[in-house]
């Protein structure tokens, strides 16, 4: 069984380096990625499709009317659970990231570098309540609990940057 990762995008064309995304994603073995375009008004959706065309383990969901981050996550989760036999499903929204210093490349790099830890996800680590999507977890919250010295993750939890 694979683990899935949902990444929510909204108007991130300028922050995306598709070649770097493709290079990093091709290094992930047992992760299935779902890139959700949350009604971007720029070329984000086209860039996400370019990544999908080059990577076998990437799906793209296009949300045509802007929704909250959690609604977009749920759209991605519904798609992923219907298409794949997944053990767990993590999510992250680029809107909630502090990408000022590390950009989206930092996010995709953290996923690639920590893919073994993500694959070995243990629900007890986050002490979360059961929900409709009981296998759904915040990727950054999980990595924050298990990885002490990761600059990208630590920056996400600092205030006033």
Protein backbone atom coordinates (compact mmCIF):
# COMPACT_ATOMS: atom_id res chain seq x y z
CA UNK A 1 0.00 0.00 0.00
CA UNK A 2 1.18 3.46 -0.86
CA UNK A 3 0.98 6.72 1.01
CA UNK A 4 -0.46 9.75 -0.75
CA UNK A 5 0.45 13.42 -0.47
CA UNK A 6 -1.95 16.21 -1.45
CA UNK A 7 -0.42 19.60 -2.21
CA UNK A 8 -2.79 22.54 -2.67
CA UNK A 9 -1.72 25.30 -5.08
CA UNK A 10 -3.27 28.70 -5.72
CA UNK A 11 -1.58 31.21 -8.04
CA UNK A 12 1.90 29.76 -7.50
CA UNK A 13 3.19 30.09 -11.07
CA UNK A 14 6.06 32.43 -10.10
CA UNK A 15 7.22 30.20 -7.22
CA UNK A 16 7.20 26.94 -9.19
CA UNK A 17 10.31 25.47 -10.79
CA UNK A 18 8.76 22.62 -12.77
CA UNK A 19 12.10 21.05 -13.74
CA UNK A 20 13.11 20.85 -10.08
CA UNK A 21 9.67 19.48 -9.11
CA UNK A 22 9.95 16.77 -11.77
CA UNK A 23 13.51 15.86 -10.74
CA UNK A 24 12.54 15.55 -7.06
CA UNK A 25 9.25 13.73 -7.60
CA UNK A 26 10.88 11.15 -9.84
CA UNK A 27 12.98 10.17 -6.82
CA UNK A 28 9.94 9.26 -4.72
CA UNK A 29 9.18 5.56 -4.85
CA UNK A 30 6.03 4.70 -2.96
CA UNK A 31 4.42 8.11 -2.67
CA UNK A 32 1.45 9.02 -4.81
CA UNK A 33 1.15 12.80 -5.20
CA UNK A 34 -2.02 14.73 -5.91
CA UNK A 35 -1.43 18.33 -6.96
CA UNK A 36 -4.65 20.32 -6.48
CA UNK A 37 -5.06 23.57 -8.37
CA UNK A 38 -7.45 25.70 -6.30
CA UNK A 39 -8.86 28.02 -9.01
CA UNK A 40 -5.58 29.71 -9.94
CA UNK A 41 -5.87 32.74 -12.18
CA UNK A 42 -2.32 32.37 -13.52
CA UNK A 43 -0.63 29.43 -15.30
CA UNK A 44 -0.29 27.25 -12.19
CA UNK A 45 -2.64 24.60 -13.58
CA UNK A 46 -0.60 24.30 -16.80
CA UNK A 47 2.61 23.90 -14.81
CA UNK A 48 1.01 21.20 -12.63
CA UNK A 49 -0.08 19.33 -15.76
CA UNK A 50 3.50 19.56 -17.09
CA UNK A 51 4.72 17.90 -13.88
CA UNK A 52 2.03 15.21 -14.19
CA UNK A 53 3.04 14.48 -17.78
CA UNK A 54 6.60 13.72 -16.67
CA UNK A 55 5.89 11.81 -13.44
CA UNK A 56 4.02 8.50 -13.20
CA UNK A 57 3.09 9.00 -9.55
CA UNK A 58 1.40 12.41 -9.94
CA UNK A 59 -2.28 13.25 -10.39
CA UNK A 60 -3.74 16.72 -10.87
CA UNK A 61 -7.15 17.84 -9.63
CA UNK A 62 -8.47 21.16 -10.89
CA UNK A 63 -10.90 22.96 -8.56
CA UNK A 64 -12.67 25.44 -10.83
CA UNK A 65 -14.23 27.61 -8.13
CA UNK A 66 -11.99 28.81 -5.27
CA UNK A 67 -12.56 26.89 -2.05
CA UNK A 68 -11.04 27.00 1.41
CA UNK A 69 -7.81 25.08 1.84
CA UNK A 70 -9.58 22.28 3.73
CA UNK A 71 -12.29 21.99 1.07
CA UNK A 72 -9.55 21.72 -1.58
CA UNK A 73 -7.79 19.08 0.55
CA UNK A 74 -11.04 17.12 0.76
CA UNK A 75 -11.47 17.31 -3.02
CA UNK A 76 -7.98 15.87 -3.42
CA UNK A 77 -8.65 13.24 -0.74
CA UNK A 78 -11.87 12.09 -2.42
CA UNK A 79 -10.00 11.71 -5.69
CA UNK A 80 -7.05 9.88 -4.13
CA UNK A 81 -9.16 7.45 -2.09
CA UNK A 82 -11.29 6.62 -5.14
CA UNK A 83 -8.32 6.06 -7.48
CA UNK A 84 -5.68 4.43 -5.28
CA UNK A 85 -5.37 1.91 -2.48
CA UNK A 86 -3.70 4.19 0.05
CA UNK A 87 -2.61 3.45 3.57
CA UNK A 88 -2.41 7.12 4.63
CA UNK A 89 -2.84 10.50 3.02
CA UNK A 90 -0.92 13.62 4.02
CA UNK A 91 -1.66 17.16 2.91
CA UNK A 92 -0.06 20.56 2.77
CA UNK A 93 -1.29 23.86 1.35
CA UNK A 94 1.16 26.21 -0.28
CA UNK A 95 -1.01 29.13 0.90
CA UNK A 96 -0.18 28.29 4.50
CA UNK A 97 3.56 28.00 3.91
CA UNK A 98 6.20 30.56 4.64
CA UNK A 99 7.94 30.27 1.27
CA UNK A 100 9.79 33.57 1.45
CA UNK A 101 13.22 31.96 1.95
CA UNK A 102 12.94 28.39 0.72
CA UNK A 103 10.24 28.53 -1.94
CA UNK A 104 8.17 25.62 -3.11
CA UNK A 105 11.37 23.78 -4.01
CA UNK A 106 12.02 23.49 -0.27
CA UNK A 107 8.66 21.78 0.21
CA UNK A 108 9.18 19.23 -2.54
CA UNK A 109 12.73 18.62 -1.30
CA UNK A 110 11.47 17.95 2.25
CA UNK A 111 8.97 15.44 0.89
CA UNK A 112 11.66 13.65 -1.14
CA UNK A 113 14.21 13.62 1.71
CA UNK A 114 11.66 12.35 4.23
CA UNK A 115 9.77 9.87 2.08
CA UNK A 116 10.79 6.90 4.26
CA UNK A 117 9.49 8.65 7.38
CA UNK A 118 6.29 9.58 5.56
CA UNK A 119 5.82 5.99 4.41
CA UNK A 120 6.22 4.83 8.01
CA UNK A 121 3.62 7.29 9.27
CA UNK A 122 2.19 6.39 12.66
CA UNK A 123 -1.09 8.00 13.57
CA UNK A 124 -0.19 7.97 17.28
CA UNK A 125 2.55 10.55 16.63
CA UNK A 126 -0.03 13.29 16.08
CA UNK A 127 -2.57 12.05 18.67
CA UNK A 128 -5.41 13.01 16.37
CA UNK A 129 -9.08 12.28 16.56
CA UNK A 130 -10.78 10.03 14.05
CA UNK A 131 -12.45 11.99 11.27
CA UNK A 132 -14.32 11.32 8.08
CA UNK A 133 -10.97 10.93 6.37
CA UNK A 134 -9.33 9.04 9.24
CA UNK A 135 -6.12 8.44 7.32
CA UNK A 136 -5.69 12.14 6.47
CA UNK A 137 -2.90 14.03 8.27
CA UNK A 138 -1.05 17.33 8.06
CA UNK A 139 2.30 16.54 6.51
CA UNK A 140 4.16 19.45 8.10
CA UNK A 141 2.73 18.78 11.57
CA UNK A 142 3.86 15.17 11.28
CA UNK A 143 7.36 16.03 10.03
CA UNK A 144 7.70 18.67 12.75
CA UNK A 145 7.08 15.97 15.38
CA UNK A 146 9.63 13.52 13.98
CA UNK A 147 12.31 15.80 12.50
CA UNK A 148 14.01 18.19 14.91
CA UNK A 149 16.58 19.88 12.69
CA UNK A 150 14.98 20.62 9.35
CA UNK A 151 15.30 24.27 8.41
CA UNK A 152 12.34 24.32 6.01
CA UNK A 153 9.96 22.78 8.55
CA UNK A 154 11.24 24.93 11.41
CA UNK A 155 10.70 28.10 9.35
CA UNK A 156 7.05 27.11 8.87
CA UNK A 157 6.46 27.32 12.61
CA UNK A 158 8.27 30.58 13.30
CA UNK A 159 6.23 33.73 13.60
CA UNK A 160 6.80 37.19 12.16
CA UNK A 161 9.04 36.24 9.24
